[in-house]
Structure formats: structure tokens, C-alpha cells
Amino acid sequence: VRLLGHAGSDVEAAYRRPADLAADLARDPVTATARLLITTGVA
């Protein structure tokens, strides 16, 4: 997924729907790895 836009000056809200942005946020890979570490008892 692409979070925070294409580059620093890019405003995604100008061309992407809020629902699409929210869906990408829900798939954040850093958060997903954190969940894996917590649910498996590593951290």
C-alpha cells in the first residue's frame, strides 16, 4: 500500500477517496508486523 502520498508535496485527498485511504491504512505493514509479534507472544 502507499501511505503518506507519492512524495512530500503530494496531497492524496485531491484524487483518492477517504474510504480508499482508510483501507490502505488498515493494511499498514509496520502495524501488521507489530500485531504478529504481540499475538505470538514475542513482545
Full PDB file with SEQRES, HELIX, SHEET, SSBOND, CRYST1, ORIGX, SCALE, CONECT and MASTER records, all heavy atoms in Angstrom:
SEQRES   1 A   43  VAL ARG LEU LEU GLY HIS ALA GLY SER ASP VAL GLU ALA          
SEQRES   2 A   43  ALA TYR ARG ARG PRO ALA ASP LEU ALA ALA ASP LEU ALA          
SEQRES   3 A   43  ARG ASP PRO VAL THR ALA THR ALA ARG LEU LEU ILE THR          
SEQRES   4 A   43  THR GLY VAL ALA                                              
HELIX    1 AA1 GLU A   12  ALA A   14  5                                   3    
HELIX    2 AA2 PRO A   18  ALA A   26  1                                   9    
HELIX    3 AA3 PRO A   29  THR A   39  1                                  11    
CRYST1    1.000    1.000    1.000  90.00  90.00  90.00 P 1           1          
ORIGX1      1.000000  0.000000  0.000000        0.00000                         
ORIGX2      0.000000  1.000000  0.000000        0.00000                         
ORIGX3      0.000000  0.000000  1.000000        0.00000                         
SCALE1      1.000000  0.000000  0.000000        0.00000                         
SCALE2      0.000000  1.000000  0.000000        0.00000                         
SCALE3      0.000000  0.000000  1.000000        0.00000                         
ATOM      1  N   VAL A   1       0.873  -1.182   0.000  1.00  0.00           N  
ATOM      2  CA  VAL A   1       0.000   0.000   0.000  1.00  0.00           C  
ATOM      3  C   VAL A   1       0.904   1.224   0.000  1.00  0.00           C  
ATOM      4  O   VAL A   1       2.089   1.139   0.320  1.00  0.00           O  
ATOM      5  CB  VAL A   1      -0.934   0.033   1.232  1.00  0.00           C  
ATOM      6  CG1 VAL A   1      -1.929  -1.108   1.169  1.00  0.00           C  
ATOM      7  CG2 VAL A   1      -0.142  -0.006   2.536  1.00  0.00           C  
ATOM      8  N   ARG A   2       0.332   2.356  -0.383  1.00  0.00           N  
ATOM      9  CA  ARG A   2       1.114   3.586  -0.373  1.00  0.00           C  
ATOM     10  C   ARG A   2       0.522   4.523   0.656  1.00  0.00           C  
ATOM     11  O   ARG A   2      -0.619   4.980   0.520  1.00  0.00           O  
ATOM     12  CB  ARG A   2       1.112   4.243  -1.750  1.00  0.00           C  
ATOM     13  CG  ARG A   2       2.178   5.335  -1.876  1.00  0.00           C  
ATOM     14  CD  ARG A   2       2.039   6.082  -3.183  1.00  0.00           C  
ATOM     15  NE  ARG A   2       0.890   6.992  -3.157  1.00  0.00           N  
ATOM     16  CZ  ARG A   2       0.414   7.614  -4.228  1.00  0.00           C  
ATOM     17  NH1 ARG A   2       0.940   7.383  -5.409  1.00  0.00           N  
ATOM     18  NH2 ARG A   2      -0.615   8.440  -4.119  1.00  0.00           N  
ATOM     19  N   LEU A   3       1.286   4.798   1.672  1.00  0.00           N  
ATOM     20  CA  LEU A   3       0.866   5.703   2.738  1.00  0.00           C  
ATOM     21  C   LEU A   3       1.648   7.020   2.624  1.00  0.00           C  
ATOM     22  O   LEU A   3       2.769   7.040   2.132  1.00  0.00           O  
ATOM     23  CB  LEU A   3       1.114   5.063   4.098  1.00  0.00           C  
ATOM     24  CG  LEU A   3       0.502   3.653   4.282  1.00  0.00           C  
ATOM     25  CD1 LEU A   3       0.965   3.037   5.586  1.00  0.00           C  
ATOM     26  CD2 LEU A   3      -1.018   3.717   4.216  1.00  0.00           C  
ATOM     27  N   LEU A   4       1.055   8.100   3.041  1.00  0.00           N  
ATOM     28  CA  LEU A   4       1.671   9.433   3.036  1.00  0.00           C  
ATOM     29  C   LEU A   4       1.840  10.024   1.644  1.00  0.00           C  
ATOM     30  O   LEU A   4       2.557  11.003   1.466  1.00  0.00           O  
ATOM     31  CB  LEU A   4       3.037   9.409   3.750  1.00  0.00           C  
ATOM     32  CG  LEU A   4       3.035   8.936   5.205  1.00  0.00           C  
ATOM     33  CD1 LEU A   4       4.441   9.006   5.780  1.00  0.00           C  
ATOM     34  CD2 LEU A   4       2.075   9.768   6.043  1.00  0.00           C  
ATOM     35  N   GLY A   5       1.224   9.442   0.635  1.00  0.00           N  
ATOM     36  CA  GLY A   5       1.254  10.041  -0.692  1.00  0.00           C  
ATOM     37  C   GLY A   5       2.479   9.661  -1.498  1.00  0.00           C  
ATOM     38  O   GLY A   5       3.367   8.936  -1.054  1.00  0.00           O  
ATOM     39  N   HIS A   6       2.507  10.158  -2.743  1.00  0.00           N  
ATOM     40  CA  HIS A   6       3.606   9.819  -3.636  1.00  0.00           C  
ATOM     41  C   HIS A   6       4.920  10.402  -3.136  1.00  0.00           C  
ATOM     42  O   HIS A   6       5.948   9.727  -3.117  1.00  0.00           O  
ATOM     43  CB  HIS A   6       3.314  10.350  -5.045  1.00  0.00           C  
ATOM     44  CG  HIS A   6       4.478  10.202  -5.975  1.00  0.00           C  
ATOM     45  ND1 HIS A   6       4.901   8.976  -6.437  1.00  0.00           N  
ATOM     46  CD2 HIS A   6       5.332  11.129  -6.512  1.00  0.00           C  
ATOM     47  CE1 HIS A   6       5.957   9.143  -7.226  1.00  0.00           C  
ATOM     48  NE2 HIS A   6       6.237  10.433  -7.288  1.00  0.00           N  
ATOM     49  N   ALA A   7       4.917  11.672  -2.777  1.00  0.00           N  
ATOM     50  CA  ALA A   7       6.110  12.351  -2.280  1.00  0.00           C  
ATOM     51  C   ALA A   7       5.654  13.429  -1.313  1.00  0.00           C  
ATOM     52  O   ALA A   7       4.456  13.610  -1.076  1.00  0.00           O  
ATOM     53  CB  ALA A   7       6.924  12.927  -3.434  1.00  0.00           C  
ATOM     54  N   GLY A   8       6.619  14.160  -0.773  1.00  0.00           N  
ATOM     55  CA  GLY A   8       6.301  15.106   0.284  1.00  0.00           C  
ATOM     56  C   GLY A   8       5.250  16.134  -0.065  1.00  0.00           C  
ATOM     57  O   GLY A   8       4.455  16.533   0.786  1.00  0.00           O  
ATOM     58  N   SER A   9       5.203  16.570  -1.317  1.00  0.00           N  
ATOM     59  CA  SER A   9       4.263  17.620  -1.710  1.00  0.00           C  
ATOM     60  C   SER A   9       2.934  17.083  -2.219  1.00  0.00           C  
ATOM     61  O   SER A   9       2.040  17.857  -2.573  1.00  0.00           O  
ATOM     62  CB  SER A   9       4.905  18.497  -2.801  1.00  0.00           C  
ATOM     63  OG  SER A   9       5.212  17.698  -3.941  1.00  0.00           O  
ATOM     64  N   ASP A  10       2.793  15.775  -2.263  1.00  0.00           N  
ATOM     65  CA  ASP A  10       1.597  15.162  -2.832  1.00  0.00           C  
ATOM     66  C   ASP A  10       0.462  15.140  -1.799  1.00  0.00           C  
ATOM     67  O   ASP A  10       0.650  14.661  -0.676  1.00  0.00           O  
ATOM     68  CB  ASP A  10       1.928  13.739  -3.287  1.00  0.00           C  
ATOM     69  CG  ASP A  10       0.748  13.050  -3.942  1.00  0.00           C  
ATOM     70  OD1 ASP A  10       0.001  13.730  -4.657  1.00  0.00           O  
ATOM     71  OD2 ASP A  10       0.585  11.835  -3.738  1.00  0.00           O  
ATOM     72  N   VAL A  11      -0.710  15.622  -2.197  1.00  0.00           N  
ATOM     73  CA  VAL A  11      -1.891  15.601  -1.325  1.00  0.00           C  
ATOM     74  C   VAL A  11      -2.861  14.566  -1.885  1.00  0.00           C  
ATOM     75  O   VAL A  11      -3.582  14.822  -2.852  1.00  0.00           O  
ATOM     76  CB  VAL A  11      -2.560  16.991  -1.243  1.00  0.00           C  
ATOM     77  CG1 VAL A  11      -3.783  16.926  -0.330  1.00  0.00           C  
ATOM     78  CG2 VAL A  11      -1.567  18.033  -0.757  1.00  0.00           C  
ATOM     79  N   GLU A  12      -2.867  13.389  -1.291  1.00  0.00           N  
ATOM     80  CA  GLU A  12      -3.675  12.295  -1.824  1.00  0.00           C  
ATOM     81  C   GLU A  12      -5.166  12.589  -1.807  1.00  0.00           C  
ATOM     82  O   GLU A  12      -5.913  12.087  -2.660  1.00  0.00           O  
ATOM     83  CB  GLU A  12      -3.419  11.024  -1.016  1.00  0.00           C  
ATOM     84  CG  GLU A  12      -2.092  10.352  -1.284  1.00  0.00           C  
ATOM     85  CD  GLU A  12      -2.013   9.024  -0.574  1.00  0.00           C  
ATOM     86  OE1 GLU A  12      -2.104   9.018   0.668  1.00  0.00           O  
ATOM     87  OE2 GLU A  12      -1.875   7.998  -1.250  1.00  0.00           O  
ATOM     88  N   ALA A  13      -5.604  13.375  -0.850  1.00  0.00           N  
ATOM     89  CA  ALA A  13      -7.038  13.647  -0.727  1.00  0.00           C  
ATOM     90  C   ALA A  13      -7.600  14.324  -1.971  1.00  0.00           C  
ATOM     91  O   ALA A  13      -8.816  14.304  -2.201  1.00  0.00           O  
ATOM     92  CB  ALA A  13      -7.292  14.521   0.502  1.00  0.00           C  
ATOM     93  N   ALA A  14      -6.729  14.888  -2.800  1.00  0.00           N  
ATOM     94  CA  ALA A  14      -7.181  15.564  -4.008  1.00  0.00           C  
ATOM     95  C   ALA A  14      -7.643  14.582  -5.072  1.00  0.00           C  
ATOM     96  O   ALA A  14      -8.376  14.963  -5.986  1.00  0.00           O  
ATOM     97  CB  ALA A  14      -6.065  16.450  -4.557  1.00  0.00           C  
ATOM     98  N   TYR A  15      -7.238  13.322  -4.980  1.00  0.00           N  
ATOM     99  CA  TYR A  15      -7.607  12.366  -6.027  1.00  0.00           C  
ATOM    100  C   TYR A  15      -7.966  10.981  -5.504  1.00  0.00           C  
ATOM    101  O   TYR A  15      -8.261  10.086  -6.290  1.00  0.00           O  
ATOM    102  CB  TYR A  15      -6.472  12.238  -7.063  1.00  0.00           C  
ATOM    103  CG  TYR A  15      -5.119  11.866  -6.481  1.00  0.00           C  
ATOM    104  CD1 TYR A  15      -4.777  10.535  -6.243  1.00  0.00           C  
ATOM    105  CD2 TYR A  15      -4.180  12.845  -6.169  1.00  0.00           C  
ATOM    106  CE1 TYR A  15      -3.539  10.187  -5.713  1.00  0.00           C  
ATOM    107  CE2 TYR A  15      -2.944  12.511  -5.644  1.00  0.00           C  
ATOM    108  CZ  TYR A  15      -2.627  11.183  -5.419  1.00  0.00           C  
ATOM    109  OH  TYR A  15      -1.404  10.844  -4.887  1.00  0.00           O  
ATOM    110  N   ARG A  16      -7.951  10.789  -4.188  1.00  0.00           N  
ATOM    111  CA  ARG A  16      -8.332   9.486  -3.628  1.00  0.00           C  
ATOM    112  C   ARG A  16      -9.475   9.660  -2.634  1.00  0.00           C  
ATOM    113  O   ARG A  16      -9.535  10.643  -1.884  1.00  0.00           O  
ATOM    114  CB  ARG A  16      -7.146   8.814  -2.930  1.00  0.00           C  
ATOM    115  CG  ARG A  16      -5.965   8.513  -3.832  1.00  0.00           C  
ATOM    116  CD  ARG A  16      -4.937   7.651  -3.123  1.00  0.00           C  
ATOM    117  NE  ARG A  16      -5.418   6.286  -2.931  1.00  0.00           N  
ATOM    118  CZ  ARG A  16      -4.841   5.387  -2.141  1.00  0.00           C  
ATOM    119  NH1 ARG A  16      -3.773   5.734  -1.433  1.00  0.00           N  
ATOM    120  NH2 ARG A  16      -5.335   4.176  -2.028  1.00  0.00           N  
ATOM    121  N   ARG A  17     -10.357   8.676  -2.610  1.00  0.00           N  
ATOM    122  CA  ARG A  17     -11.496   8.730  -1.697  1.00  0.00           C  
ATOM    123  C   ARG A  17     -11.054   8.419  -0.273  1.00  0.00           C  
ATOM    124  O   ARG A  17     -10.133   7.622  -0.054  1.00  0.00           O  
ATOM    125  CB  ARG A  17     -12.553   7.714  -2.123  1.00  0.00           C  
ATOM    126  CG  ARG A  17     -13.142   7.957  -3.511  1.00  0.00           C  
ATOM    127  CD  ARG A  17     -14.137   6.868  -3.859  1.00  0.00           C  
ATOM    128  NE  ARG A  17     -13.525   5.542  -3.791  1.00  0.00           N  
ATOM    129  CZ  ARG A  17     -14.185   4.398  -3.938  1.00  0.00           C  
ATOM    130  NH1 ARG A  17     -15.490   4.422  -4.146  1.00  0.00           N  
ATOM    131  NH2 ARG A  17     -13.550   3.234  -3.863  1.00  0.00           N  
ATOM    132  N   PRO A  18     -11.722   9.011   0.717  1.00  0.00           N  
ATOM    133  CA  PRO A  18     -11.390   8.719   2.115  1.00  0.00           C  
ATOM    134  C   PRO A  18     -11.453   7.225   2.431  1.00  0.00           C  
ATOM    135  O   PRO A  18     -10.624   6.716   3.196  1.00  0.00           O  
ATOM    136  CB  PRO A  18     -12.447   9.505   2.895  1.00  0.00           C  
ATOM    137  CG  PRO A  18     -12.803  10.639   1.998  1.00  0.00           C  
ATOM    138  CD  PRO A  18     -12.737  10.086   0.612  1.00  0.00           C  
ATOM    139  N   ALA A  19     -12.398   6.512   1.832  1.00  0.00           N  
ATOM    140  CA  ALA A  19     -12.521   5.076   2.099  1.00  0.00           C  
ATOM    141  C   ALA A  19     -11.289   4.317   1.614  1.00  0.00           C  
ATOM    142  O   ALA A  19     -10.844   3.355   2.252  1.00  0.00           O  
ATOM    143  CB  ALA A  19     -13.778   4.526   1.428  1.00  0.00           C  
ATOM    144  N   ASP A  20     -10.721   4.752   0.477  1.00  0.00           N  
ATOM    145  CA  ASP A  20      -9.527   4.089  -0.044  1.00  0.00           C  
ATOM    146  C   ASP A  20      -8.322   4.363   0.849  1.00  0.00           C  
ATOM    147  O   ASP A  20      -7.494   3.473   1.093  1.00  0.00           O  
ATOM    148  CB  ASP A  20      -9.243   4.567  -1.465  1.00  0.00           C  
ATOM    149  CG  ASP A  20     -10.317   4.133  -2.447  1.00  0.00           C  
ATOM    150  OD1 ASP A  20     -10.941   3.081  -2.210  1.00  0.00           O  
ATOM    151  OD2 ASP A  20     -10.533   4.861  -3.441  1.00  0.00           O  
ATOM    152  N   LEU A  21      -8.222   5.587   1.333  1.00  0.00           N  
ATOM    153  CA  LEU A  21      -7.124   5.920   2.236  1.00  0.00           C  
ATOM    154  C   LEU A  21      -7.226   5.127   3.531  1.00  0.00           C  
ATOM    155  O   LEU A  21      -6.219   4.625   4.055  1.00  0.00           O  
ATOM    156  CB  LEU A  21      -7.124   7.417   2.536  1.00  0.00           C  
ATOM    157  CG  LEU A  21      -6.849   8.349   1.343  1.00  0.00           C  
ATOM    158  CD1 LEU A  21      -7.042   9.801   1.752  1.00  0.00           C  
ATOM    159  CD2 LEU A  21      -5.440   8.131   0.814  1.00  0.00           C  
ATOM    160  N   ALA A  22      -8.437   4.990   4.031  1.00  0.00           N  
ATOM    161  CA  ALA A  22      -8.641   4.225   5.263  1.00  0.00           C  
ATOM    162  C   ALA A  22      -8.320   2.748   5.062  1.00  0.00           C  
ATOM    163  O   ALA A  22      -7.744   2.094   5.939  1.00  0.00           O  
ATOM    164  CB  ALA A  22     -10.080   4.402   5.746  1.00  0.00           C  
ATOM    165  N   ALA A  23      -8.666   2.222   3.895  1.00  0.00           N  
ATOM    166  CA  ALA A  23      -8.392   0.814   3.606  1.00  0.00           C  
ATOM    167  C   ALA A  23      -6.886   0.562   3.552  1.00  0.00           C  
ATOM    168  O   ALA A  23      -6.402  -0.476   4.025  1.00  0.00           O  
ATOM    169  CB  ALA A  23      -9.053   0.415   2.293  1.00  0.00           C  
ATOM    170  N   ASP A  24      -6.156   1.477   2.974  1.00  0.00           N  
ATOM    171  CA  ASP A  24      -4.701   1.322   2.935  1.00  0.00           C  
ATOM    172  C   ASP A  24      -4.105   1.403   4.334  1.00  0.00           C  
ATOM    173  O   ASP A  24      -3.194   0.636   4.687  1.00  0.00           O  
ATOM    174  CB  ASP A  24      -4.079   2.407   2.054  1.00  0.00           C  
ATOM    175  CG  ASP A  24      -4.101   2.033   0.583  1.00  0.00           C  
ATOM    176  OD1 ASP A  24      -4.593   0.934   0.249  1.00  0.00           O  
ATOM    177  OD2 ASP A  24      -3.634   2.844  -0.243  1.00  0.00           O  
ATOM    178  N   LEU A  25      -4.595   2.341   5.123  1.00  0.00           N  
ATOM    179  CA  LEU A  25      -4.092   2.479   6.482  1.00  0.00           C  
ATOM    180  C   LEU A  25      -4.298   1.195   7.272  1.00  0.00           C  
ATOM    181  O   LEU A  25      -3.425   0.773   8.049  1.00  0.00           O  
ATOM    182  CB  LEU A  25      -4.781   3.651   7.173  1.00  0.00           C  
ATOM    183  CG  LEU A  25      -4.290   4.010   8.582  1.00  0.00           C  
ATOM    184  CD1 LEU A  25      -2.821   4.382   8.555  1.00  0.00           C  
ATOM    185  CD2 LEU A  25      -5.125   5.146   9.157  1.00  0.00           C  
ATOM    186  N   ALA A  26      -5.420   0.543   7.055  1.00  0.00           N  
ATOM    187  CA  ALA A  26      -5.712  -0.708   7.775  1.00  0.00           C  
ATOM    188  C   ALA A  26      -4.750  -1.823   7.395  1.00  0.00           C  
ATOM    189  O   ALA A  26      -4.633  -2.814   8.130  1.00  0.00           O  
ATOM    190  CB  ALA A  26      -7.151  -1.136   7.494  1.00  0.00           C  
ATOM    191  N   ARG A  27      -4.054  -1.685   6.260  1.00  0.00           N  
ATOM    192  CA  ARG A  27      -3.105  -2.704   5.817  1.00  0.00           C  
ATOM    193  C   ARG A  27      -1.654  -2.276   6.058  1.00  0.00           C  
ATOM    194  O   ARG A  27      -0.734  -2.848   5.468  1.00  0.00           O  
ATOM    195  CB  ARG A  27      -3.322  -3.013   4.335  1.00  0.00           C  
ATOM    196  CG  ARG A  27      -4.674  -3.619   4.012  1.00  0.00           C  
ATOM    197  CD  ARG A  27      -4.778  -3.970   2.535  1.00  0.00           C  
ATOM    198  NE  ARG A  27      -3.759  -4.949   2.150  1.00  0.00           N  
ATOM    199  CZ  ARG A  27      -3.032  -4.889   1.043  1.00  0.00           C  
ATOM    200  NH1 ARG A  27      -3.189  -3.879   0.196  1.00  0.00           N  
ATOM    201  NH2 ARG A  27      -2.124  -5.813   0.781  1.00  0.00           N  
ATOM    202  N   ASP A  28      -1.448  -1.298   6.904  1.00  0.00           N  
ATOM    203  CA  ASP A  28      -0.094  -0.822   7.198  1.00  0.00           C  
ATOM    204  C   ASP A  28       0.816  -1.990   7.591  1.00  0.00           C  
ATOM    205  O   ASP A  28       0.558  -2.685   8.570  1.00  0.00           O  
ATOM    206  CB  ASP A  28      -0.152   0.198   8.335  1.00  0.00           C  
ATOM    207  CG  ASP A  28       1.216   0.589   8.853  1.00  0.00           C  
ATOM    208  OD1 ASP A  28       2.193   0.485   8.083  1.00  0.00           O  
ATOM    209  OD2 ASP A  28       1.313   0.981  10.034  1.00  0.00           O  
ATOM    210  N   PRO A  29       1.892  -2.235   6.850  1.00  0.00           N  
ATOM    211  CA  PRO A  29       2.739  -3.393   7.138  1.00  0.00           C  
ATOM    212  C   PRO A  29       3.487  -3.303   8.466  1.00  0.00           C  
ATOM    213  O   PRO A  29       3.756  -4.340   9.094  1.00  0.00           O  
ATOM    214  CB  PRO A  29       3.717  -3.427   5.958  1.00  0.00           C  
ATOM    215  CG  PRO A  29       3.695  -2.055   5.398  1.00  0.00           C  
ATOM    216  CD  PRO A  29       2.325  -1.527   5.629  1.00  0.00           C  
ATOM    217  N   VAL A  30       3.839  -2.105   8.906  1.00  0.00           N  
ATOM    218  CA  VAL A  30       4.531  -1.982  10.189  1.00  0.00           C  
ATOM    219  C   VAL A  30       3.590  -2.376  11.320  1.00  0.00           C  
ATOM    220  O   VAL A  30       3.964  -3.117  12.247  1.00  0.00           O  
ATOM    221  CB  VAL A  30       5.063  -0.551  10.383  1.00  0.00           C  
ATOM    222  CG1 VAL A  30       5.806  -0.434  11.707  1.00  0.00           C  
ATOM    223  CG2 VAL A  30       5.980  -0.159   9.228  1.00  0.00           C  
ATOM    224  N   THR A  31       2.366  -1.919  11.230  1.00  0.00           N  
ATOM    225  CA  THR A  31       1.365  -2.307  12.227  1.00  0.00           C  
ATOM    226  C   THR A  31       1.102  -3.807  12.166  1.00  0.00           C  
ATOM    227  O   THR A  31       0.960  -4.472  13.209  1.00  0.00           O  
ATOM    228  CB  THR A  31       0.062  -1.530  11.992  1.00  0.00           C  
ATOM    229  OG1 THR A  31       0.319  -0.120  12.094  1.00  0.00           O  
ATOM    230  CG2 THR A  31      -1.001  -1.919  13.007  1.00  0.00           C  
ATOM    231  N   ALA A  32       1.034  -4.365  10.973  1.00  0.00           N  
ATOM    232  CA  ALA A  32       0.774  -5.799  10.828  1.00  0.00           C  
ATOM    233  C   ALA A  32       1.886  -6.627  11.461  1.00  0.00           C  
ATOM    234  O   ALA A  32       1.624  -7.649  12.123  1.00  0.00           O  
ATOM    235  CB  ALA A  32       0.633  -6.149   9.351  1.00  0.00           C  
ATOM    236  N   THR A  33       3.135  -6.224  11.275  1.00  0.00           N  
ATOM    237  CA  THR A  33       4.244  -6.956  11.904  1.00  0.00           C  
ATOM    238  C   THR A  33       4.191  -6.807  13.419  1.00  0.00           C  
ATOM    239  O   THR A  33       4.475  -7.769  14.158  1.00  0.00           O  
ATOM    240  CB  THR A  33       5.593  -6.443  11.362  1.00  0.00           C  
ATOM    241  OG1 THR A  33       5.629  -6.630   9.945  1.00  0.00           O  
ATOM    242  CG2 THR A  33       6.753  -7.209  11.982  1.00  0.00           C  
ATOM    243  N   ALA A  34       3.804  -5.629  13.902  1.00  0.00           N  
ATOM    244  CA  ALA A  34       3.666  -5.437  15.345  1.00  0.00           C  
ATOM    245  C   ALA A  34       2.608  -6.379  15.908  1.00  0.00           C  
ATOM    246  O   ALA A  34       2.806  -7.008  16.963  1.00  0.00           O  
ATOM    247  CB  ALA A  34       3.307  -3.982  15.645  1.00  0.00           C  
ATOM    248  N   ARG A  35       1.483  -6.522  15.219  1.00  0.00           N  
ATOM    249  CA  ARG A  35       0.443  -7.452  15.673  1.00  0.00           C  
ATOM    250  C   ARG A  35       0.975  -8.882  15.715  1.00  0.00           C  
ATOM    251  O   ARG A  35       0.695  -9.639  16.650  1.00  0.00           O  
ATOM    252  CB  ARG A  35      -0.764  -7.387  14.737  1.00  0.00           C  
ATOM    253  CG  ARG A  35      -1.625  -6.160  14.872  1.00  0.00           C  
ATOM    254  CD  ARG A  35      -3.001  -6.422  14.261  1.00  0.00           C  
ATOM    255  NE  ARG A  35      -3.654  -5.177  13.895  1.00  0.00           N  
ATOM    256  CZ  ARG A  35      -3.665  -4.655  12.675  1.00  0.00           C  
ATOM    257  NH1 ARG A  35      -3.031  -5.282  11.673  1.00  0.00           N  
ATOM    258  NH2 ARG A  35      -4.282  -3.523  12.439  1.00  0.00           N  
ATOM    259  N   LEU A  36       1.735  -9.265  14.685  1.00  0.00           N  
ATOM    260  CA  LEU A  36       2.307 -10.610  14.648  1.00  0.00           C  
ATOM    261  C   LEU A  36       3.191 -10.856  15.862  1.00  0.00           C  
ATOM    262  O   LEU A  36       3.112 -11.917  16.513  1.00  0.00           O  
ATOM    263  CB  LEU A  36       3.118 -10.783  13.356  1.00  0.00           C  
ATOM    264  CG  LEU A  36       3.931 -12.075  13.225  1.00  0.00           C  
ATOM    265  CD1 LEU A  36       2.990 -13.279  13.086  1.00  0.00           C  
ATOM    266  CD2 LEU A  36       4.884 -11.997  12.032  1.00  0.00           C  
ATOM    267  N   LEU A  37       4.014  -9.903  16.186  1.00  0.00           N  
ATOM    268  CA  LEU A  37       4.920 -10.052  17.323  1.00  0.00           C  
ATOM    269  C   LEU A  37       4.167 -10.138  18.648  1.00  0.00           C  
ATOM    270  O   LEU A  37       4.549 -10.902  19.553  1.00  0.00           O  
ATOM    271  CB  LEU A  37       5.895  -8.870  17.353  1.00  0.00           C  
ATOM    272  CG  LEU A  37       6.928  -8.832  16.220  1.00  0.00           C  
ATOM    273  CD1 LEU A  37       7.601  -7.470  16.143  1.00  0.00           C  
ATOM    274  CD2 LEU A  37       7.968  -9.924  16.423  1.00  0.00           C  
ATOM    275  N   ILE A  38       3.092  -9.385  18.751  1.00  0.00           N  
ATOM    276  CA  ILE A  38       2.330  -9.378  20.011  1.00  0.00           C  
ATOM    277  C   ILE A  38       1.499 -10.642  20.144  1.00  0.00           C  
ATOM    278  O   ILE A  38       1.509 -11.316  21.194  1.00  0.00           O  
ATOM    279  CB  ILE A  38       1.445  -8.125  20.081  1.00  0.00           C  
ATOM    280  CG1 ILE A  38       2.320  -6.862  20.151  1.00  0.00           C  
ATOM    281  CG2 ILE A  38       0.513  -8.186  21.289  1.00  0.00           C  
ATOM    282  CD1 ILE A  38       1.559  -5.564  19.967  1.00  0.00           C  
ATOM    283  N   THR A  39       0.770 -11.016  19.106  1.00  0.00           N  
ATOM    284  CA  THR A  39      -0.137 -12.170  19.208  1.00  0.00           C  
ATOM    285  C   THR A  39       0.611 -13.487  19.335  1.00  0.00           C  
ATOM    286  O   THR A  39       0.076 -14.461  19.877  1.00  0.00           O  
ATOM    287  CB  THR A  39      -1.062 -12.246  17.978  1.00  0.00           C  
ATOM    288  OG1 THR A  39      -0.269 -12.315  16.791  1.00  0.00           O  
ATOM    289  CG2 THR A  39      -1.981 -11.032  17.924  1.00  0.00           C  
ATOM    290  N   THR A  40       1.854 -13.543  18.864  1.00  0.00           N  
ATOM    291  CA  THR A  40       2.632 -14.781  19.003  1.00  0.00           C  
ATOM    292  C   THR A  40       3.442 -14.806  20.291  1.00  0.00           C  
ATOM    293  O   THR A  40       4.196 -15.759  20.528  1.00  0.00           O  
ATOM    294  CB  THR A  40       3.587 -14.944  17.813  1.00  0.00           C  
ATOM    295  OG1 THR A  40       4.403 -13.783  17.686  1.00  0.00           O  
ATOM    296  CG2 THR A  40       2.813 -15.183  16.525  1.00  0.00           C  
ATOM    297  N   GLY A  41       3.320 -13.777  21.093  1.00  0.00           N  
ATOM    298  CA  GLY A  41       3.985 -13.766  22.383  1.00  0.00           C  
ATOM    299  C   GLY A  41       5.445 -13.366  22.339  1.00  0.00           C  
ATOM    300  O   GLY A  41       6.163 -13.533  23.328  1.00  0.00           O  
ATOM    301  N   VAL A  42       5.899 -12.828  21.233  1.00  0.00           N  
ATOM    302  CA  VAL A  42       7.294 -12.407  21.133  1.00  0.00           C  
ATOM    303  C   VAL A  42       7.527 -11.105  21.902  1.00  0.00           C  
ATOM    304  O   VAL A  42       8.583 -10.900  22.503  1.00  0.00           O  
ATOM    305  CB  VAL A  42       7.707 -12.232  19.657  1.00  0.00           C  
ATOM    306  CG1 VAL A  42       9.126 -11.689  19.544  1.00  0.00           C  
ATOM    307  CG2 VAL A  42       7.584 -13.548  18.912  1.00  0.00           C  
ATOM    308  N   ALA A  43       6.546 -10.211  21.910  1.00  0.00           N  
ATOM    309  CA  ALA A  43       6.697  -8.916  22.566  1.00  0.00           C  
ATOM    310  C   ALA A  43       5.380  -8.493  23.188  1.00  0.00           C  
ATOM    311  O   ALA A  43       4.300  -8.852  22.704  1.00  0.00           O  
ATOM    312  CB  ALA A  43       7.163  -7.871  21.564  1.00  0.00           C  
TER     313      ALA A  43                                                      
MASTER        0    0    0    3    0    0    0    6  312    1    0    4          
END                                                                             
